[in-house]
C-alpha atoms as a PDB file:
ATOM      1  CA  MET A   1      55.306 116.239  77.497  1.00  0.00           C
ATOM      2  CA  ASN A   2      54.420 112.699  79.590  1.00  0.00           C
ATOM      3  CA  ALA A   3      51.903 110.294  78.989  1.00  0.00           C
ATOM      4  CA  SER A   4      49.898 107.980  80.845  1.00  0.00           C
ATOM      5  CA  PRO A   5      46.767 105.696  80.077  1.00  0.00           C
ATOM      6  CA  LEU A   6      43.690 107.684  80.734  1.00  0.00           C
ATOM      7  CA  LYS A   7      41.675 106.611  83.838  1.00  0.00           C
ATOM      8  CA  GLY A   8      38.221 106.088  83.037  1.00  0.00           C
ATOM      9  CA  PRO A   9      36.054 106.118  79.774  1.00  0.00           C
ATOM     10  CA  LEU A  10      37.451 108.351  77.021  1.00  0.00           C
ATOM     11  CA  ARG A  11      35.308 111.056  75.657  1.00  0.00           C
ATOM     12  CA  PRO A  12      32.208 110.404  77.801  1.00  0.00           C
ATOM     13  CA  LYS A  13      29.279 110.879  75.609  1.00  0.00           C
ATOM     14  CA  VAL A  14      26.942 113.749  76.774  1.00  0.00           C
ATOM     15  CA  GLY A  15      23.856 112.204  78.486  1.00  0.00           C
ATOM     16  CA  ALA A  16      25.549 108.772  78.262  1.00  0.00           C
ATOM     17  CA  GLU A  17      24.732 107.899  81.746  1.00  0.00           C
ATOM     18  CA  ARG A  18      20.922 107.623  82.728  1.00  0.00           C
ATOM     19  CA  GLY A  19      19.746 110.683  84.664  1.00  0.00           C
ATOM     20  CA  THR A  20      22.819 112.622  84.288  1.00  0.00           C
ATOM     21  CA  PHE A  21      24.678 115.002  81.842  1.00  0.00           C
ATOM     22  CA  ARG A  22      28.550 115.533  81.736  1.00  0.00           C
ATOM     23  CA  MET A  23      30.096 118.827  81.623  1.00  0.00           C
ATOM     24  CA  GLY A  24      34.068 118.744  81.409  1.00  0.00           C
ATOM     25  CA  ASN A  25      34.944 116.468  84.427  1.00  0.00           C
ATOM     26  CA  SER A  26      31.707 116.817  86.218  1.00  0.00           C
ATOM     27  CA  ARG A  27      28.507 115.384  86.006  1.00  0.00           C
ATOM     28  CA  ILE A  28      25.285 116.822  86.379  1.00  0.00           C
ATOM     29  CA  LYS A  29      22.228 115.265  87.929  1.00  0.00           C
ATOM     30  CA  ARG A  30      18.796 116.287  87.506  1.00  0.00           C
ATOM     31  CA  VAL A  31      16.834 116.515  90.805  1.00  0.00           C
ATOM     32  CA  GLY A  32      13.328 117.959  91.701  1.00  0.00           C
ATOM     33  CA  LEU A  33      11.699 116.367  88.756  1.00  0.00           C
ATOM     34  CA  ARG A  34       8.741 113.906  88.642  1.00  0.00           C
ATOM     35  CA  ARG A  35      10.697 110.264  88.727  1.00  0.00           C
ATOM     36  CA  TRP A  36       7.575 108.438  86.529  1.00  0.00           C
ATOM     37  CA  TYR A  37       5.463 109.685  83.985  1.00  0.00           C
ATOM     38  CA  TRP A  38       3.326 107.121  82.098  1.00  0.00           C
ATOM     39  CA  ALA A  39       3.203 108.779  78.846  1.00  0.00           C
ATOM     40  CA  ASP A  40       7.003 108.023  78.560  1.00  0.00           C
ATOM     41  CA  ILE A  41       6.797 104.064  78.755  1.00  0.00           C
ATOM     42  CA  TYR A  42       7.128 103.539  75.393  1.00  0.00           C
ATOM     43  CA  HIS A  43      10.394 105.871  75.279  1.00  0.00           C
ATOM     44  CA  TRP A  44      11.411 104.137  78.120  1.00  0.00           C
ATOM     45  CA  MET A  45      11.066 100.899  76.383  1.00  0.00           C
ATOM     46  CA  LEU A  46      12.969 102.118  73.313  1.00  0.00           C
ATOM     47  CA  THR A  47      15.966 103.051  75.393  1.00  0.00           C
ATOM     48  CA  LEU A  48      16.398 100.200  77.320  1.00  0.00           C
ATOM     49  CA  THR A  49      19.335  97.924  76.577  1.00  0.00           C
ATOM     50  CA  TRP A  50      18.468  94.654  74.506  1.00  0.00           C
ATOM     51  CA  PRO A  51      19.156  92.491  77.567  1.00  0.00           C
ATOM     52  CA  ARG A  52      16.975  94.480  79.979  1.00  0.00           C
ATOM     53  CA  PHE A  53      14.352  94.774  77.326  1.00  0.00           C
ATOM     54  CA  PHE A  54      13.930  90.882  76.877  1.00  0.00           C
ATOM     55  CA  MET A  55      14.282  90.496  80.622  1.00  0.00           C
ATOM     56  CA  LEU A  56      11.337  92.836  80.891  1.00  0.00           C
ATOM     57  CA  PHE A  57       9.205  90.955  78.523  1.00  0.00           C
ATOM     58  CA  ALA A  58      10.298  87.710  79.952  1.00  0.00           C
ATOM     59  CA  THR A  59       9.234  88.510  83.844  1.00  0.00           C
ATOM     60  CA  LEU A  60       6.240  89.691  82.269  1.00  0.00           C
ATOM     61  CA  TYR A  61       5.209  86.687  80.698  1.00  0.00           C
ATOM     62  CA  VAL A  62       6.218  84.609  83.498  1.00  0.00           C
ATOM     63  CA  LEU A  63       4.103  86.882  86.009  1.00  0.00           C
ATOM     64  CA  THR A  64       1.093  86.819  83.341  1.00  0.00           C
ATOM     65  CA  ASN A  65       0.869  82.793  83.596  1.00  0.00           C
ATOM     66  CA  LEU A  66       1.527  82.788  87.256  1.00  0.00           C
ATOM     67  CA  LEU A  67      -1.405  85.140  87.747  1.00  0.00           C
ATOM     68  CA  PHE A  68      -4.136  83.160  85.359  1.00  0.00           C
ATOM     69  CA  ALA A  69      -2.529  79.787  86.527  1.00  0.00           C
ATOM     70  CA  GLY A  70      -3.548  80.929  90.129  1.00  0.00           C
ATOM     71  CA  ALA A  71      -6.810  82.105  89.188  1.00  0.00           C
ATOM     72  CA  PHE A  72      -7.559  78.764  87.545  1.00  0.00           C
ATOM     73  CA  PHE A  73      -6.318  76.625  90.595  1.00  0.00           C
ATOM     74  CA  VAL A  74      -8.324  78.824  93.225  1.00  0.00           C
ATOM     75  CA  VAL A  75     -11.479  77.281  91.765  1.00  0.00           C
ATOM     76  CA  PRO A  76     -11.278  73.294  91.317  1.00  0.00           C
ATOM     77  CA  GLY A  77     -13.164  72.408  87.956  1.00  0.00           C
ATOM     78  CA  SER A  78     -12.583  75.397  86.373  1.00  0.00           C
ATOM     79  CA  VAL A  79     -10.278  73.456  83.944  1.00  0.00           C
ATOM     80  CA  SER A  80     -11.277  69.892  82.453  1.00  0.00           C
ATOM     81  CA  ASN A  81      -8.806  66.887  82.198  1.00  0.00           C
ATOM     82  CA  ALA A  82      -6.244  68.854  84.950  1.00  0.00           C
ATOM     83  CA  ARG A  83      -5.193  66.624  87.687  1.00  0.00           C
ATOM     84  CA  PRO A  84      -6.715  67.718  90.952  1.00  0.00           C
ATOM     85  CA  GLY A  85      -4.304  70.052  92.954  1.00  0.00           C
ATOM     86  CA  GLU A  86      -1.606  70.135  90.215  1.00  0.00           C
ATOM     87  CA  PHE A  87      -0.851  73.555  89.981  1.00  0.00           C
ATOM     88  CA  MET A  88       1.572  72.959  87.031  1.00  0.00           C
ATOM     89  CA  ASP A  89      -1.145  71.897  85.156  1.00  0.00           C
ATOM     90  CA  MET A  90      -2.947  75.101  85.609  1.00  0.00           C
ATOM     91  CA  VAL A  91       0.723  76.777  84.712  1.00  0.00           C
ATOM     92  CA  PHE A  92       0.863  74.878  81.300  1.00  0.00           C
ATOM     93  CA  PHE A  93      -2.676  75.593  80.496  1.00  0.00           C
ATOM     94  CA  SER A  94      -2.381  79.196  81.009  1.00  0.00           C
ATOM     95  CA  ILE A  95       0.387  79.250  78.600  1.00  0.00           C
ATOM     96  CA  GLU A  96      -1.210  77.368  75.906  1.00  0.00           C
ATOM     97  CA  THR A  97      -4.166  79.698  76.370  1.00  0.00           C
ATOM     98  CA  LEU A  98      -2.088  82.691  76.271  1.00  0.00           C
ATOM     99  CA  ALA A  99      -0.707  81.587  72.877  1.00  0.00           C
ATOM    100  CA  THR A 100      -4.094  80.493  71.624  1.00  0.00           C
ATOM    101  CA  VAL A 101      -2.696  77.135  70.897  1.00  0.00           C
ATOM    102  CA  GLY A 102      -5.069  75.113  72.203  1.00  0.00           C
ATOM    103  CA  TYR A 103      -3.802  71.530  72.186  1.00  0.00           C
ATOM    104  CA  GLY A 104      -7.225  69.953  73.113  1.00  0.00           C
ATOM    105  CA  TYR A 105      -6.454  67.756  76.171  1.00  0.00           C
ATOM    106  CA  MET A 106      -7.069  70.648  78.876  1.00  0.00           C
ATOM    107  CA  ASN A 107      -9.980  72.994  78.235  1.00  0.00           C
ATOM    108  CA  PRO A 108     -11.984  75.274  80.305  1.00  0.00           C
ATOM    109  CA  GLY A 109     -14.361  73.151  82.439  1.00  0.00           C
ATOM    110  CA  SER A 110     -16.615  75.628  83.671  1.00  0.00           C
ATOM    111  CA  THR A 111     -18.288  79.378  83.116  1.00  0.00           C
ATOM    112  CA  TYR A 112     -15.643  80.547  85.458  1.00  0.00           C
ATOM    113  CA  GLY A 113     -12.874  78.814  83.601  1.00  0.00           C
ATOM    114  CA  HIS A 114     -14.218  79.873  80.268  1.00  0.00           C
ATOM    115  CA  VAL A 115     -14.183  83.800  81.423  1.00  0.00           C
ATOM    116  CA  VAL A 116     -10.719  83.545  82.755  1.00  0.00           C
ATOM    117  CA  ALA A 117      -9.681  82.017  79.668  1.00  0.00           C
ATOM    118  CA  SER A 118     -11.252  84.505  77.497  1.00  0.00           C
ATOM    119  CA  ILE A 119      -9.494  87.195  79.476  1.00  0.00           C
ATOM    120  CA  GLU A 120      -6.265  85.834  78.973  1.00  0.00           C
ATOM    121  CA  ILE A 121      -6.561  85.317  75.462  1.00  0.00           C
ATOM    122  CA  MET A 122      -7.533  89.043  74.870  1.00  0.00           C
ATOM    123  CA  LEU A 123      -4.329  90.008  77.063  1.00  0.00           C
ATOM    124  CA  GLY A 124      -2.369  87.506  74.847  1.00  0.00           C
ATOM    125  CA  MET A 125      -3.111  89.272  72.076  1.00  0.00           C
ATOM    126  CA  VAL A 126      -2.350  92.767  73.301  1.00  0.00           C
ATOM    127  CA  GLU A 127       0.892  91.537  74.981  1.00  0.00           C
ATOM    128  CA  VAL A 128       1.865  89.847  71.223  1.00  0.00           C
ATOM    129  CA  ALA A 129       0.888  93.334  69.475  1.00  0.00           C
ATOM    130  CA  VAL A 130       2.831  95.524  71.827  1.00  0.00           C
ATOM    131  CA  VAL A 131       5.904  93.191  72.043  1.00  0.00           C
ATOM    132  CA  THR A 132       6.025  92.991  68.114  1.00  0.00           C
ATOM    133  CA  GLY A 133       5.513  96.674  67.705  1.00  0.00           C
ATOM    134  CA  LEU A 134       8.303  97.448  69.965  1.00  0.00           C
ATOM    135  CA  LEU A 135      10.568  94.887  68.254  1.00  0.00           C
ATOM    136  CA  PHE A 136       9.982  96.565  64.974  1.00  0.00           C
ATOM    137  CA  ALA A 137      10.462  99.946  66.512  1.00  0.00           C
ATOM    138  CA  ARG A 138      13.978  98.989  68.290  1.00  0.00           C
ATOM    139  CA  PHE A 139      15.242  96.994  64.844  1.00  0.00           C
ATOM    140  CA  SER A 140      13.885  99.585  62.640  1.00  0.00           C
ATOM    141  CA  ARG A 141      15.174 102.718  64.320  1.00  0.00           C
ATOM    142  CA  PRO A 142      18.133 104.369  61.868  1.00  0.00           C
ATOM    143  CA  THR A 143      21.490 104.130  63.533  1.00  0.00           C
ATOM    144  CA  SER A 144      25.029 105.228  62.445  1.00  0.00           C
ATOM    145  CA  ARG A 145      28.206 104.117  62.900  1.00  0.00           C
ATOM    146  CA  ILE A 146      30.331 107.380  62.846  1.00  0.00           C
ATOM    147  CA  MET A 147      33.506 107.412  64.624  1.00  0.00           C
ATOM    148  CA  PHE A 148      35.204 109.927  66.200  1.00  0.00           C
ATOM    149  CA  SER A 149      38.665 110.663  67.275  1.00  0.00           C
ATOM    150  CA  ASP A 150      39.689 109.583  70.856  1.00  0.00           C
ATOM    151  CA  VAL A 151      41.165 113.308  71.428  1.00  0.00           C
ATOM    152  CA  ALA A 152      41.156 116.729  69.876  1.00  0.00           C
ATOM    153  CA  VAL A 153      44.372 118.803  68.832  1.00  0.00           C
ATOM    154  CA  ILE A 154      45.377 122.700  68.572  1.00  0.00           C
ATOM    155  CA  THR A 155      47.761 122.610  65.897  1.00  0.00           C
ATOM    156  CA  PRO A 156      48.865 125.769  63.406  1.00  0.00           C
ATOM    157  CA  PHE A 157      47.025 125.384  59.932  1.00  0.00           C
ATOM    158  CA  ASN A 158      48.240 127.613  57.312  1.00  0.00           C
ATOM    159  CA  GLY A 159      49.675 129.645  59.869  1.00  0.00           C
ATOM    160  CA  VAL A 160      46.659 129.965  62.189  1.00  0.00           C
ATOM    161  CA  PRO A 161      45.919 128.016  65.463  1.00  0.00           C
ATOM    162  CA  THR A 162      43.367 125.356  64.735  1.00  0.00           C
ATOM    163  CA  LEU A 163      41.378 123.021  66.904  1.00  0.00           C
ATOM    164  CA  MET A 164      40.925 119.613  64.919  1.00  0.00           C
ATOM    165  CA  LEU A 165      39.073 116.438  65.342  1.00  0.00           C
ATOM    166  CA  ARG A 166      38.475 113.691  63.320  1.00  0.00           C
ATOM    167  CA  THR A 167      35.130 111.770  62.330  1.00  0.00           C
ATOM    168  CA  GLY A 168      35.071 108.805  60.045  1.00  0.00           C
ATOM    169  CA  ASN A 169      32.206 106.519  58.382  1.00  0.00           C
ATOM    170  CA  GLU A 170      32.868 103.071  59.576  1.00  0.00           C
ATOM    171  CA  ARG A 171      30.135 101.708  57.301  1.00  0.00           C
ATOM    172  CA  ALA A 172      31.071 101.093  53.358  1.00  0.00           C
ATOM    173  CA  ASN A 173      28.214 103.414  52.460  1.00  0.00           C
ATOM    174  CA  LEU A 174      27.557 107.507  52.093  1.00  0.00           C
ATOM    175  CA  ILE A 175      25.919 109.792  54.309  1.00  0.00           C
ATOM    176  CA  LEU A 176      24.259 112.181  52.145  1.00  0.00           C
ATOM    177  CA  GLU A 177      23.962 116.192  52.979  1.00  0.00           C
ATOM    178  CA  ALA A 178      25.905 115.825  55.979  1.00  0.00           C
ATOM    179  CA  SER A 179      26.259 118.215  58.521  1.00  0.00           C
ATOM    180  CA  VAL A 180      28.459 119.085  61.569  1.00  0.00           C
ATOM    181  CA  ARG A 181      27.896 121.688  64.598  1.00  0.00           C
ATOM    182  CA  ALA A 182      30.221 121.867  67.348  1.00  0.00           C
ATOM    183  CA  SER A 183      29.934 124.200  70.668  1.00  0.00           C
ATOM    184  CA  LEU A 184      32.106 124.871  73.447  1.00  0.00           C
ATOM    185  CA  VAL A 185      30.652 124.804  76.895  1.00  0.00           C
ATOM    186  CA  ARG A 186      32.418 126.404  79.906  1.00  0.00           C
ATOM    187  CA  ARG A 187      31.637 128.076  83.212  1.00  0.00           C
ATOM    188  CA  GLU A 188      32.331 131.926  83.469  1.00  0.00           C
ATOM    189  CA  THR A 189      32.079 134.496  86.197  1.00  0.00           C
ATOM    190  CA  THR A 190      29.923 137.625  85.162  1.00  0.00           C
ATOM    191  CA  GLN A 191      30.561 141.124  86.237  1.00  0.00           C
ATOM    192  CA  GLU A 192      28.390 140.800  88.884  1.00  0.00           C
ATOM    193  CA  GLY A 193      30.162 137.979  90.379  1.00  0.00           C
ATOM    194  CA  GLN A 194      27.700 135.218  89.061  1.00  0.00           C
ATOM    195  CA  LEU A 195      28.845 131.765  87.891  1.00  0.00           C
ATOM    196  CA  PHE A 196      27.367 131.231  84.447  1.00  0.00           C
ATOM    197  CA  THR A 197      27.425 128.617  82.330  1.00  0.00           C
ATOM    198  CA  ARG A 198      28.172 129.703  78.729  1.00  0.00           C
ATOM    199  CA  PHE A 199      27.832 127.896  75.245  1.00  0.00           C
ATOM    200  CA  TYR A 200      29.688 128.929  72.260  1.00  0.00           C
ATOM    201  CA  ASP A 201      28.838 127.930  68.766  1.00  0.00           C
ATOM    202  CA  LEU A 202      32.121 127.235  66.875  1.00  0.00           C
ATOM    203  CA  LYS A 203      32.698 128.564  63.566  1.00  0.00           C
ATOM    204  CA  LEU A 204      33.897 125.679  61.416  1.00  0.00           C
ATOM    205  CA  GLU A 205      35.956 125.844  58.361  1.00  0.00           C
ATOM    206  CA  ARG A 206      33.773 123.419  56.453  1.00  0.00           C
ATOM    207  CA  ASP A 207      30.034 122.464  58.279  1.00  0.00           C
ATOM    208  CA  GLN A 208      28.444 120.644  55.360  1.00  0.00           C
ATOM    209  CA  THR A 209      29.486 118.247  52.820  1.00  0.00           C
ATOM    210  CA  THR A 210      27.532 116.693  50.063  1.00  0.00           C
ATOM    211  CA  VAL A 211      28.648 113.250  50.558  1.00  0.00           C
ATOM    212  CA  PHE A 212      30.659 111.956  53.592  1.00  0.00           C
ATOM    213  CA  ALA A 213      31.997 108.471  52.790  1.00  0.00           C
ATOM    214  CA  LEU A 214      35.314 107.780  54.274  1.00  0.00           C
ATOM    215  CA  THR A 215      36.683 110.801  56.885  1.00  0.00           C
ATOM    216  CA  TRP A 216      36.225 114.251  57.683  1.00  0.00           C
ATOM    217  CA  THR A 217      38.379 116.429  59.512  1.00  0.00           C
ATOM    218  CA  ILE A 218      36.814 118.990  61.599  1.00  0.00           C
ATOM    219  CA  MET A 219      38.603 122.263  61.881  1.00  0.00           C
ATOM    220  CA  HIS A 220      37.940 125.442  63.702  1.00  0.00           C
ATOM    221  CA  ARG A 221      40.328 128.438  63.212  1.00  0.00           C
ATOM    222  CA  ILE A 222      41.308 130.085  66.482  1.00  0.00           C
ATOM    223  CA  ASP A 223      41.406 133.869  65.987  1.00  0.00           C
ATOM    224  CA  GLU A 224      40.435 136.842  68.128  1.00  0.00           C
ATOM    225  CA  HIS A 225      36.598 136.058  67.601  1.00  0.00           C
ATOM    226  CA  SER A 226      37.290 132.159  68.997  1.00  0.00           C
ATOM    227  CA  PRO A 227      36.419 131.627  72.383  1.00  0.00           C
ATOM    228  CA  LEU A 228      39.563 129.702  72.254  1.00  0.00           C
ATOM    229  CA  TRP A 229      41.728 133.052  71.741  1.00  0.00           C
ATOM    230  CA  GLY A 230      44.264 133.193  74.146  1.00  0.00           C
ATOM    231  CA  LYS A 231      43.518 130.094  76.165  1.00  0.00           C
ATOM    232  CA  THR A 232      45.875 127.652  77.587  1.00  0.00           C
ATOM    233  CA  GLN A 233      45.469 124.064  78.516  1.00  0.00           C
ATOM    234  CA  GLN A 234      45.367 125.119  82.364  1.00  0.00           C
ATOM    235  CA  ASP A 235      42.754 127.559  81.376  1.00  0.00           C
ATOM    236  CA  LEU A 236      40.288 125.106  79.779  1.00  0.00           C
ATOM    237  CA  ILE A 237      40.887 122.715  82.680  1.00  0.00           C
ATOM    238  CA  ASN A 238      39.819 125.402  85.305  1.00  0.00           C
ATOM    239  CA  GLU A 239      36.746 126.423  83.336  1.00  0.00           C
ATOM    240  CA  GLY A 240      35.755 123.106  83.214  1.00  0.00           C
ATOM    241  CA  THR A 241      35.630 123.417  79.485  1.00  0.00           C
ATOM    242  CA  THR A 242      33.586 120.595  77.189  1.00  0.00           C
ATOM    243  CA  LEU A 243      33.778 120.379  73.523  1.00  0.00           C
ATOM    244  CA  THR A 244      30.625 118.620  72.167  1.00  0.00           C
ATOM    245  CA  VAL A 245      30.252 117.644  68.304  1.00  0.00           C
ATOM    246  CA  GLY A 246      27.289 116.408  66.474  1.00  0.00           C
ATOM    247  CA  VAL A 247      27.410 115.041  62.763  1.00  0.00           C
ATOM    248  CA  SER A 248      24.056 114.179  60.932  1.00  0.00           C
ATOM    249  CA  GLY A 249      22.765 113.352  57.587  1.00  0.00           C
ATOM    250  CA  THR A 250      20.723 111.034  55.289  1.00  0.00           C
ATOM    251  CA  ASP A 251      22.002 107.516  55.309  1.00  0.00           C
ATOM    252  CA  ASP A 252      21.627 106.527  51.688  1.00  0.00           C
ATOM    253  CA  THR A 253      21.275 102.652  52.625  1.00  0.00           C
ATOM    254  CA  LEU A 254      18.337 103.454  55.335  1.00  0.00           C
ATOM    255  CA  ASN A 255      17.256 106.371  53.243  1.00  0.00           C
ATOM    256  CA  ASP A 256      16.663 108.043  56.894  1.00  0.00           C
ATOM    257  CA  PHE A 257      18.126 110.796  59.076  1.00  0.00           C
ATOM    258  CA  VAL A 258      21.037 109.545  61.343  1.00  0.00           C
ATOM    259  CA  HIS A 259      23.207 111.471  63.673  1.00  0.00           C
ATOM    260  CA  ALA A 260      25.859 111.085  66.043  1.00  0.00           C
ATOM    261  CA  ARG A 261      27.719 113.117  68.869  1.00  0.00           C
ATOM    262  CA  GLN A 262      30.481 113.190  71.174  1.00  0.00           C
ATOM    263  CA  SER A 263      31.947 115.145  73.865  1.00  0.00           C
ATOM    264  CA  TYR A 264      35.615 115.908  74.863  1.00  0.00           C
ATOM    265  CA  SER A 265      36.699 117.225  78.237  1.00  0.00           C
ATOM    266  CA  ALA A 266      39.715 119.817  78.834  1.00  0.00           C
ATOM    267  CA  GLU A 267      41.904 116.823  79.122  1.00  0.00           C
ATOM    268  CA  HIS A 268      41.559 115.408  75.841  1.00  0.00           C
ATOM    269  CA  ILE A 269      42.156 118.464  73.831  1.00  0.00           C
ATOM    270  CA  PHE A 270      46.282 118.500  73.158  1.00  0.00           C
ATOM    271  CA  PHE A 271      47.791 121.874  72.228  1.00  0.00           C
ATOM    272  CA  ASN A 272      50.839 121.740  69.912  1.00  0.00           C
ATOM    273  CA  HIS A 273      50.026 117.966  68.326  1.00  0.00           C
ATOM    274  CA  HIS A 274      48.286 117.106  64.840  1.00  0.00           C
ATOM    275  CA  PHE A 275      46.972 113.973  63.791  1.00  0.00           C
ATOM    276  CA  ALA A 276      49.143 111.194  61.956  1.00  0.00           C
ATOM    277  CA  ASP A 277      48.315 110.794  58.365  1.00  0.00           C
ATOM    278  CA  ILE A 278      46.195 107.829  57.616  1.00  0.00           C
ATOM    279  CA  LEU A 279      46.024 108.155  53.715  1.00  0.00           C
ATOM    280  CA  SER A 280      48.705 106.499  52.280  1.00  0.00           C
ATOM    281  CA  ASP A 281      50.415 108.389  49.257  1.00  0.00           C
ATOM    282  CA  LYS A 282      51.505 104.730  47.689  1.00  0.00           C
ATOM    283  CA  LEU A 283      49.459 102.934  45.366  1.00  0.00           C
ATOM    284  CA  GLU A 284      48.707  99.427  45.531  1.00  0.00           C
ATOM    285  CA  GLY A 285      47.693  98.783  42.035  1.00  0.00           C
ATOM    286  CA  ASP A 286      45.155 101.421  41.493  1.00  0.00           C
ATOM    287  CA  VAL A 287      44.048 101.654  45.150  1.00  0.00           C
ATOM    288  CA  ARG A 288      45.365 104.358  47.753  1.00  0.00           C
ATOM    289  CA  ILE A 289      45.195 102.635  51.069  1.00  0.00           C
ATOM    290  CA  LEU A 290      43.009 104.568  54.212  1.00  0.00           C
ATOM    291  CA  ASP A 291      44.618 103.003  57.575  1.00  0.00           C
ATOM    292  CA  PHE A 292      42.018 103.198  60.300  1.00  0.00           C
ATOM    293  CA  SER A 293      44.530 101.912  62.808  1.00  0.00           C
ATOM    294  CA  LYS A 294      46.115 105.184  62.754  1.00  0.00           C
ATOM    295  CA  PHE A 295      42.894 107.278  63.141  1.00  0.00           C
ATOM    296  CA  HIS A 296      43.629 108.406  66.647  1.00  0.00           C
ATOM    297  CA  ASP A 297      47.119 108.508  66.461  1.00  0.00           C
ATOM    298  CA  ILE A 298      48.592 112.235  67.209  1.00  0.00           C
ATOM    299  CA  HIS A 299      52.385 113.685  66.596  1.00  0.00           C
ATOM    300  CA  PRO A 300      53.797 116.430  68.887  1.00  0.00           C
ATOM    301  CA  ASP A 301      54.329 119.254  66.399  1.00  0.00           C
ATOM    302  CA  GLY A 302      57.777 119.620  64.683  1.00  0.00           C
ATOM    303  CA  SER A 303      58.282 115.768  65.104  1.00  0.00           C
ATOM    304  CA  GLU A 304      58.033 113.211  62.403  1.00  0.00           C
ATOM    305  CA  GLY A 305      57.977 110.346  64.727  1.00  0.00           C
ATOM    306  CA  GLY A 306      56.914 109.871  68.331  1.00  0.00           C
ATOM    307  CA  ILE A 307      53.356 108.721  67.433  1.00  0.00           C
ATOM    308  CA  MET A 308      51.399 108.703  70.630  1.00  0.00           C
ATOM    309  CA  PRO A 309      48.206 106.415  70.286  1.00  0.00           C
ATOM    310  CA  GLY A 310      45.161 108.641  71.121  1.00  0.00           C
ATOM    311  CA  ALA A 311      43.836 105.841  73.454  1.00  0.00           C
ATOM    312  CA  ALA A 312      46.813 105.835  75.700  1.00  0.00           C
ATOM    313  CA  VAL A 313      47.734 109.582  76.211  1.00  0.00           C
ATOM    314  CA  ALA A 314      46.381 111.613  79.540  1.00  0.00           C
ATOM    315  CA  HIS A 315      46.925 115.231  79.255  1.00  0.00           C
ATOM    316  CA  PRO A 316      49.956 117.235  78.564  1.00  0.00           C
ATOM    317  CA  GLY A 317      52.271 118.143  81.137  1.00  0.00           C
END
């Protein structure tokens, strides 16, 4: 079996790229939908990356101040003690007004100035409330640190070919009442000759655990009822097979529901390999060592050595 570095990202997450859905080696892009829906603006802001989120509100802050500075500037005398024709004085007065600071040196000098300042103060209060709410929503959103193995393997287990993958809890806490679901997605041709995408829910050896604290090996027995029965590596590649896995539960620290998901294309499902043992049998005092540095490592079946790091292998040759 030849190993070479994988090209491109490992195990692309379902929906990781905005507007696309990955299935096997293909990306599905949605078209024909309305490009913008105003009711989704809150959801859109929650999904922005942190740099884009702060850039958005920095841009909004600057534009708001420039807009009101221009409104003060076009009517001379609207701001008392401002230097005539000095636009920057209007900008700084707009900043003070938007923040309701009011240093006292410059102040509205006319009815027009008072009206514009009142509108800006009201807008500033709304902006502060919106930004505060969005920051709280983003920070308080429960997240998990559940890791998945870089590859899945198919190996005999108690005499039965079994699909296996690993998941682990990277935090030093518990996920209570954890559950896992796994599905196989592939393209099939019906008897009528129609190409059809089929989803198969995989029956797992154990799909629930009371406490998820360390690692969890997810296993699916490949028997005559399995959609993987009789399949080869090349079959999976030809059918554009994708394995999707989702883990969910209640974080005992956050006391809230958390979840994580991952997907594996056919190239990341290894036949006749098994995972390296990461739990040491040797005790250090009364402590056994769980070595996460070997979390992704796999062995060819029937060998003791020849570890192949999961992040550095391609598909079987």
